[in-house]
Amino acid sequence: MTRHQDIPQDRDSTAQPSRREFIGRAIIAGTAASLAGPSRLLAWDPAIEKRPEPLPVANVIRAYSPQMMPVSVVQRTILKDALEESLKALTGQSRIDDAWHRILRPDDVILIKFNHSGAENLGTTHAMAAELTESLRRAGWSPSQMMLLEALDANPTLLRETRTPDHRWQNALVNFGVSGSDSFIAALDEATAIINVPFIKTHHLTTLTGCLKNLSHGLIRHPARFHAGGCDPAIAEIAASPAIKDKLRLNIMNGIRCVFDGGPQADPDTILGCNTLLVGTDPVACDSTAYGLINEIRSLKGKPPLLKGASLPAHLQTAASIRLGQSDAEKIRVVRVDA
């Protein structure tokens, strides 16, 4: 039986794991402290006038079951429970149909963006694609409204039933800012909503690859051109483009098996069964939580943190600075769901 802890409104949500539970459960995020009452300003201060509103607290649902992939095969019933209970907890709905309808519109054309890099060795995309599309189907969306991108090892029948994404490139160049310009994949022309389904992996250039990089470098024509500076500020600038930002509805980080070292490729020696999903609407908060998860794994494996000190990867700091999402652990509320 699946149980979950509702997202609290006025107090911290902190899990109390036992030593036998999954190593990632040590990650606990606090909520923001209550704001003090308003003070009286005696004179206009232009610095205060221009100060941006603080980013809101972000909710990330962490679903876990040790039986999700106990050996080499994903247990589809448990994955289904983990996925759907996460969505209900995230949206505050008791029925999965209602949860999906809080996230998507009935007429949406949904681009579901997976990650082909390392997918063969990780071996979880097939099950994830099947359970995700089936859940959407039961909630009322037709396969013809779903496009599966980079789901190379998904069931061929599923790929035939769903809408074929346009793999050509848009004619127009999009100026991302300091990073330069490029074209997006033409499938974005049809898509009205994006569900982002990255793996949780380390990366030799960006330290972590997750939600943001799966979008920034997975939807453009020439990703290799945007590797300078550890892909910073390219990741944040590309992900901030309206073609992505305005359509992104949901992030489902596939942590059934994680790459804790040597990524983005998935070497069998650096893969660990984490049996976890991280689900949220804020890609920066999801990535920040995943970064803590990988460091916890590395600690138990006798490896040092990915970065010295308490700093986050540069691209996450940049993303937060341009208000793509929340990176402050004190303002990321992590809620555990047991499947």
Protein backbone atom coordinates (compact mmCIF):
# COMPACT_ATOMS: atom_id res chain seq x y z
CA MET A 1 0.00 0.00 0.00
CA THR A 2 1.30 3.38 -0.95
CA ARG A 3 1.37 6.22 1.52
CA HIS A 4 2.59 9.74 1.26
CA GLN A 5 3.10 12.74 3.43
CA ASP A 6 1.01 15.70 2.31
CA ILE A 7 2.83 18.88 1.46
CA PRO A 8 2.65 20.98 4.62
CA GLN A 9 1.56 24.56 4.33
CA ASP A 10 2.94 26.14 7.46
CA ARG A 11 5.71 23.92 8.78
CA ASP A 12 8.83 22.11 7.68
CA SER A 13 8.55 18.72 5.98
CA THR A 14 11.41 16.49 7.10
CA ALA A 15 11.67 12.73 6.63
CA GLN A 16 12.87 10.52 9.49
CA PRO A 17 14.57 7.58 7.72
CA SER A 18 16.04 4.54 9.39
CA ARG A 19 19.53 3.28 8.61
CA ARG A 20 18.06 0.49 6.52
CA GLU A 21 16.32 2.94 4.22
CA PHE A 22 17.70 4.32 1.01
CA ILE A 23 20.80 6.44 1.28
CA GLY A 24 19.19 9.38 -0.46
CA ARG A 25 16.65 9.82 2.34
CA ALA A 26 19.26 11.72 4.30
CA ILE A 27 18.55 14.69 2.06
CA ILE A 28 16.21 16.92 3.95
CA ALA A 29 15.25 20.38 2.83
CA GLY A 30 13.91 23.03 5.14
CA THR A 31 11.32 25.65 4.38
CA ALA A 32 11.77 29.37 4.50
CA ALA A 33 11.48 31.05 7.86
CA SER A 34 8.37 33.08 8.46
CA LEU A 35 8.68 36.63 7.27
CA ALA A 36 8.69 39.35 9.84
CA GLY A 37 5.79 41.74 9.92
CA PRO A 38 5.89 44.77 7.63
CA SER A 39 7.98 47.69 8.75
CA ARG A 40 7.20 51.31 8.13
CA LEU A 41 9.37 53.06 5.52
CA LEU A 42 10.02 56.70 6.27
CA ALA A 43 11.58 57.51 2.90
CA TRP A 44 11.59 56.05 -0.60
CA ASP A 45 14.63 53.89 -1.25
CA PRO A 46 15.35 53.16 -4.94
CA ALA A 47 17.40 50.09 -4.01
CA ILE A 48 14.36 48.57 -2.29
CA GLU A 49 12.12 49.63 -5.17
CA LYS A 50 14.17 47.59 -7.67
CA ARG A 51 14.75 44.55 -5.49
CA PRO A 52 13.11 41.47 -7.07
CA GLU A 53 10.60 39.42 -5.17
CA PRO A 54 12.22 36.37 -3.55
CA LEU A 55 11.71 33.09 -5.36
CA PRO A 56 8.95 31.02 -3.78
CA VAL A 57 9.46 27.83 -1.84
CA ALA A 58 9.59 24.90 -4.27
CA ASN A 59 8.13 21.46 -3.63
CA VAL A 60 10.00 18.35 -4.75
CA ILE A 61 8.43 14.93 -4.22
CA ARG A 62 10.89 12.12 -3.55
CA ALA A 63 9.34 8.69 -4.22
CA TYR A 64 11.20 5.59 -3.11
CA SER A 65 10.75 1.85 -2.97
CA PRO A 66 13.56 -0.68 -2.56
CA GLN A 67 11.55 -2.98 -4.82
CA MET A 68 11.25 -0.57 -7.76
CA MET A 69 14.19 -2.29 -9.47
CA PRO A 70 15.57 -4.80 -6.95
CA VAL A 71 17.84 -6.55 -9.45
CA SER A 72 17.76 -6.01 -13.20
CA VAL A 73 14.08 -5.56 -14.05
CA VAL A 74 11.87 -2.59 -13.18
CA GLN A 75 8.80 -3.65 -11.23
CA ARG A 76 6.16 -1.87 -13.24
CA THR A 77 3.41 -1.94 -10.58
CA ILE A 78 5.69 -0.27 -8.05
CA LEU A 79 6.90 2.29 -10.60
CA LYS A 80 3.27 3.10 -11.42
CA ASP A 81 2.49 3.65 -7.73
CA ALA A 82 5.59 5.80 -7.24
CA LEU A 83 4.78 7.96 -10.25
CA GLU A 84 1.10 8.45 -9.54
CA GLU A 85 1.42 8.96 -5.78
CA SER A 86 4.11 11.56 -6.46
CA LEU A 87 1.82 13.48 -8.79
CA LYS A 88 -1.04 13.37 -6.30
CA ALA A 89 1.23 14.64 -3.53
CA LEU A 90 2.61 17.38 -5.77
CA THR A 91 -0.81 18.67 -6.80
CA GLY A 92 -2.71 18.00 -3.58
CA GLN A 93 -5.24 15.79 -5.39
CA SER A 94 -6.56 12.44 -4.20
CA ARG A 95 -7.21 11.06 -7.71
CA ILE A 96 -4.52 10.67 -10.36
CA ASP A 97 -6.86 11.92 -13.10
CA ASP A 98 -7.37 15.16 -11.19
CA ALA A 99 -3.63 15.46 -10.59
CA TRP A 100 -2.86 15.24 -14.30
CA HIS A 101 -5.57 17.79 -15.07
CA ARG A 102 -3.92 20.21 -12.65
CA ILE A 103 -0.73 19.91 -14.71
CA LEU A 104 -1.97 19.62 -18.30
CA ARG A 105 -4.82 20.90 -20.44
CA PRO A 106 -7.11 18.40 -22.20
CA ASP A 107 -6.04 19.66 -25.63
CA ASP A 108 -2.28 19.74 -24.95
CA VAL A 109 0.18 18.15 -27.35
CA ILE A 110 2.76 16.77 -24.94
CA LEU A 111 6.46 16.45 -25.75
CA ILE A 112 7.92 13.89 -23.34
CA LYS A 113 11.69 14.45 -23.35
CA PHE A 114 13.79 11.48 -22.25
CA ASN A 115 17.61 11.19 -22.41
CA HIS A 116 19.29 8.67 -24.72
CA SER A 117 22.79 9.16 -23.23
CA GLY A 118 23.49 6.14 -21.03
CA ALA A 119 19.97 4.80 -21.50
CA GLU A 120 21.06 1.37 -22.68
CA ASN A 121 23.15 0.61 -19.59
CA LEU A 122 20.66 2.17 -17.20
CA GLY A 123 17.86 0.12 -18.74
CA THR A 124 14.88 1.98 -17.25
CA THR A 125 13.48 4.11 -20.10
CA HIS A 126 11.32 1.31 -21.49
CA ALA A 127 9.35 0.93 -18.25
CA MET A 128 9.22 4.67 -17.54
CA ALA A 129 7.84 5.48 -21.00
CA ALA A 130 5.23 2.74 -20.75
CA GLU A 131 3.95 3.71 -17.28
CA LEU A 132 3.99 7.44 -17.97
CA THR A 133 2.06 7.21 -21.23
CA GLU A 134 -0.38 4.67 -19.79
CA SER A 135 -1.10 6.95 -16.83
CA LEU A 136 -1.77 9.83 -19.21
CA ARG A 137 -3.97 7.62 -21.35
CA ARG A 138 -6.08 6.57 -18.37
CA ALA A 139 -6.47 10.23 -17.41
CA GLY A 140 -7.90 11.11 -20.82
CA TRP A 141 -5.03 11.98 -23.17
CA SER A 142 -4.75 10.15 -26.46
CA PRO A 143 -1.43 8.63 -27.60
CA SER A 144 -1.78 10.92 -30.61
CA GLN A 145 -1.25 13.84 -28.19
CA MET A 146 2.05 12.42 -26.90
CA MET A 147 5.47 12.70 -28.57
CA LEU A 148 8.30 10.60 -27.11
CA LEU A 149 11.70 12.15 -27.76
CA GLU A 150 14.89 10.12 -27.15
CA ALA A 151 12.93 7.11 -25.90
CA LEU A 152 15.11 4.86 -28.04
CA ASP A 153 14.51 1.66 -26.08
CA ALA A 154 10.78 2.19 -25.57
CA ASN A 155 8.36 -0.45 -26.82
CA PRO A 156 8.15 -0.22 -30.65
CA THR A 157 4.38 -0.57 -30.46
CA LEU A 158 4.21 2.41 -28.12
CA LEU A 159 6.36 4.46 -30.47
CA ARG A 160 4.02 3.60 -33.36
CA GLU A 161 0.91 4.49 -31.36
CA THR A 162 2.16 7.85 -30.14
CA ARG A 163 2.67 10.93 -32.26
CA THR A 164 5.97 10.94 -34.17
CA PRO A 165 8.04 14.00 -33.20
CA ASP A 166 9.38 16.16 -36.01
CA HIS A 167 13.15 15.67 -35.81
CA ARG A 168 13.92 18.45 -38.28
CA TRP A 169 15.13 21.85 -37.08
CA GLN A 170 13.27 25.13 -36.94
CA ASN A 171 14.27 27.61 -39.61
CA ALA A 172 14.59 30.52 -37.21
CA LEU A 173 17.64 31.12 -35.04
CA VAL A 174 16.96 31.93 -31.40
CA ASN A 175 19.30 34.36 -29.64
CA PHE A 176 20.00 33.01 -26.16
CA GLY A 177 22.12 35.95 -25.01
CA VAL A 178 25.80 35.71 -24.09
CA SER A 179 25.89 32.06 -25.17
CA GLY A 180 24.94 32.68 -28.79
CA SER A 181 22.17 31.46 -31.10
CA ASP A 182 20.85 28.18 -32.43
CA SER A 183 17.74 26.45 -33.75
CA PHE A 184 15.35 24.34 -31.73
CA ILE A 185 14.02 20.96 -32.79
CA ALA A 186 10.88 21.35 -34.90
CA ALA A 187 8.86 19.16 -32.52
CA LEU A 188 8.62 22.23 -30.26
CA ASP A 189 6.42 23.86 -32.90
CA GLU A 190 3.73 21.23 -32.30
CA ALA A 191 4.18 20.81 -28.57
CA THR A 192 2.10 22.90 -26.20
CA ALA A 193 3.46 21.18 -23.07
CA ILE A 194 6.73 19.51 -22.06
CA ILE A 195 7.20 16.69 -19.56
CA ASN A 196 10.91 16.45 -18.81
CA VAL A 197 12.23 12.97 -17.88
CA PRO A 198 16.01 13.15 -17.31
CA PHE A 199 18.29 10.68 -15.60
CA ILE A 200 20.26 11.64 -12.48
CA LYS A 201 23.93 11.58 -13.49
CA THR A 202 27.22 13.30 -12.93
CA HIS A 203 28.78 15.15 -15.87
CA HIS A 204 32.43 15.85 -16.62
CA LEU A 205 31.67 19.40 -17.79
CA THR A 206 28.68 20.53 -15.74
CA THR A 207 29.18 18.41 -12.57
CA LEU A 208 25.52 17.35 -12.72
CA THR A 209 23.25 16.63 -15.65
CA GLY A 210 19.54 16.56 -14.94
CA CYS A 211 16.45 18.59 -15.73
CA LEU A 212 18.03 21.75 -17.11
CA LYS A 213 20.67 20.17 -19.33
CA ASN A 214 18.22 17.59 -20.67
CA LEU A 215 16.28 20.54 -22.07
CA SER A 216 19.02 22.99 -22.98
CA HIS A 217 21.31 20.61 -24.83
CA GLY A 218 18.69 18.07 -25.86
CA LEU A 219 16.44 20.38 -27.86
CA ILE A 220 18.94 22.43 -29.91
CA ARG A 221 20.70 21.67 -33.18
CA HIS A 222 24.34 22.19 -32.18
CA PRO A 223 24.74 21.32 -28.47
CA ALA A 224 28.55 21.00 -28.75
CA ARG A 225 28.78 24.72 -29.47
CA PHE A 226 27.46 25.45 -25.98
CA HIS A 227 30.02 23.59 -23.87
CA ALA A 228 32.27 26.54 -23.05
CA GLY A 229 32.64 27.45 -19.38
CA GLY A 230 31.17 24.15 -18.26
CA CYS A 231 28.03 24.96 -20.27
CA ASP A 232 27.50 28.05 -18.13
CA PRO A 233 25.62 30.33 -18.75
CA ALA A 234 24.41 28.37 -21.79
CA ILE A 235 22.26 25.87 -19.87
CA ALA A 236 20.32 28.56 -18.03
CA GLU A 237 20.03 30.89 -21.02
CA ILE A 238 18.71 28.19 -23.35
CA ALA A 239 16.31 26.76 -20.77
CA ALA A 240 14.99 30.28 -20.16
CA SER A 241 13.86 30.59 -23.79
CA PRO A 242 10.07 30.95 -24.01
CA ALA A 243 9.93 27.91 -26.32
CA ILE A 244 11.03 25.80 -23.34
CA LYS A 245 10.21 27.76 -20.20
CA ASP A 246 6.62 28.59 -21.17
CA LYS A 247 5.82 24.98 -22.07
CA LEU A 248 7.56 23.10 -19.27
CA ARG A 249 4.87 21.63 -17.00
CA LEU A 250 6.55 18.81 -15.13
CA ASN A 251 9.93 17.24 -14.32
CA ILE A 252 10.20 13.55 -13.47
CA MET A 253 13.81 12.72 -12.63
CA ASN A 254 14.42 9.04 -13.28
CA GLY A 255 16.61 7.96 -10.39
CA ILE A 256 15.71 4.29 -10.54
CA ARG A 257 19.41 3.87 -11.29
CA CYS A 258 21.83 6.81 -10.85
CA VAL A 259 25.30 7.54 -12.22
CA PHE A 260 27.36 8.78 -9.27
CA ASP A 261 30.71 9.20 -11.05
CA GLY A 262 32.18 9.50 -14.53
CA GLY A 263 29.01 10.69 -16.26
CA PRO A 264 27.26 11.44 -18.49
CA GLN A 265 27.93 7.99 -19.88
CA ALA A 266 26.74 5.15 -17.71
CA ASP A 267 29.62 2.83 -16.83
CA PRO A 268 28.32 -0.25 -14.97
CA ASP A 269 30.89 0.38 -12.22
CA THR A 270 29.45 3.83 -11.47
CA ILE A 271 25.75 2.97 -11.56
CA LEU A 272 23.83 2.50 -8.32
CA GLY A 273 20.24 1.33 -7.92
CA CYS A 274 18.60 4.27 -6.17
CA ASN A 275 14.96 3.21 -6.71
CA THR A 276 13.91 6.84 -6.58
CA LEU A 277 11.94 9.42 -8.55
CA LEU A 278 12.24 13.18 -7.96
CA VAL A 279 9.13 14.97 -9.20
CA GLY A 280 8.39 18.69 -9.34
CA THR A 281 7.47 21.64 -11.48
CA ASP A 282 10.67 23.59 -10.70
CA PRO A 283 13.64 22.20 -12.69
CA VAL A 284 16.23 24.06 -10.62
CA ALA A 285 14.84 22.73 -7.34
CA CYS A 286 14.74 19.18 -8.75
CA ASP A 287 18.34 19.43 -9.96
CA SER A 288 19.51 20.90 -6.66
CA THR A 289 17.88 18.02 -4.79
CA ALA A 290 19.44 15.51 -7.18
CA TYR A 291 22.85 17.09 -6.60
CA GLY A 292 22.50 16.46 -2.87
CA LEU A 293 21.40 12.89 -3.57
CA ILE A 294 24.49 12.16 -5.67
CA ASN A 295 26.79 13.60 -3.02
CA GLU A 296 25.14 11.39 -0.40
CA ILE A 297 25.78 8.36 -2.60
CA ARG A 298 29.38 9.41 -3.13
CA SER A 299 29.93 9.81 0.61
CA LEU A 300 28.75 6.27 1.27
CA LYS A 301 30.96 5.06 -1.57
CA GLY A 302 33.98 6.74 0.02
CA LYS A 303 34.21 9.44 -2.65
CA PRO A 304 34.54 13.19 -2.07
CA PRO A 305 31.74 15.65 -2.85
CA LEU A 306 31.43 16.68 -6.46
CA LEU A 307 32.41 20.24 -5.49
CA LYS A 308 34.31 21.56 -2.50
CA GLY A 309 32.31 23.32 0.15
CA ALA A 310 28.58 23.71 -0.01
CA SER A 311 28.43 25.31 -3.45
CA LEU A 312 26.12 24.18 -6.22
CA PRO A 313 27.19 23.65 -9.83
CA ALA A 314 27.62 26.99 -11.60
CA HIS A 315 24.74 26.45 -14.02
CA LEU A 316 22.30 25.97 -11.13
CA GLN A 317 23.46 29.20 -9.52
CA THR A 318 23.04 31.02 -12.83
CA ALA A 319 19.61 29.51 -13.36
CA ALA A 320 18.48 30.72 -9.95
CA SER A 321 19.95 34.17 -10.58
CA ILE A 322 17.79 34.59 -13.69
CA ARG A 323 14.78 33.25 -11.77
CA LEU A 324 14.37 29.93 -13.57
CA GLY A 325 13.77 28.28 -10.23
CA GLN A 326 14.75 27.81 -6.61
CA SER A 327 18.26 26.58 -5.69
CA ASP A 328 18.33 27.47 -1.98
CA ALA A 329 18.06 24.25 0.05
CA GLU A 330 16.32 26.19 2.82
CA LYS A 331 13.54 27.01 0.37
CA ILE A 332 13.14 23.60 -1.24
CA ARG A 333 10.59 21.45 0.56
CA VAL A 334 11.27 17.76 -0.08
CA VAL A 335 8.33 15.44 0.65
CA ARG A 336 8.82 11.68 0.75
CA VAL A 337 6.44 9.18 -0.83
CA ASP A 338 6.85 5.46 -0.11
CA ALA A 339 5.65 3.20 -2.90
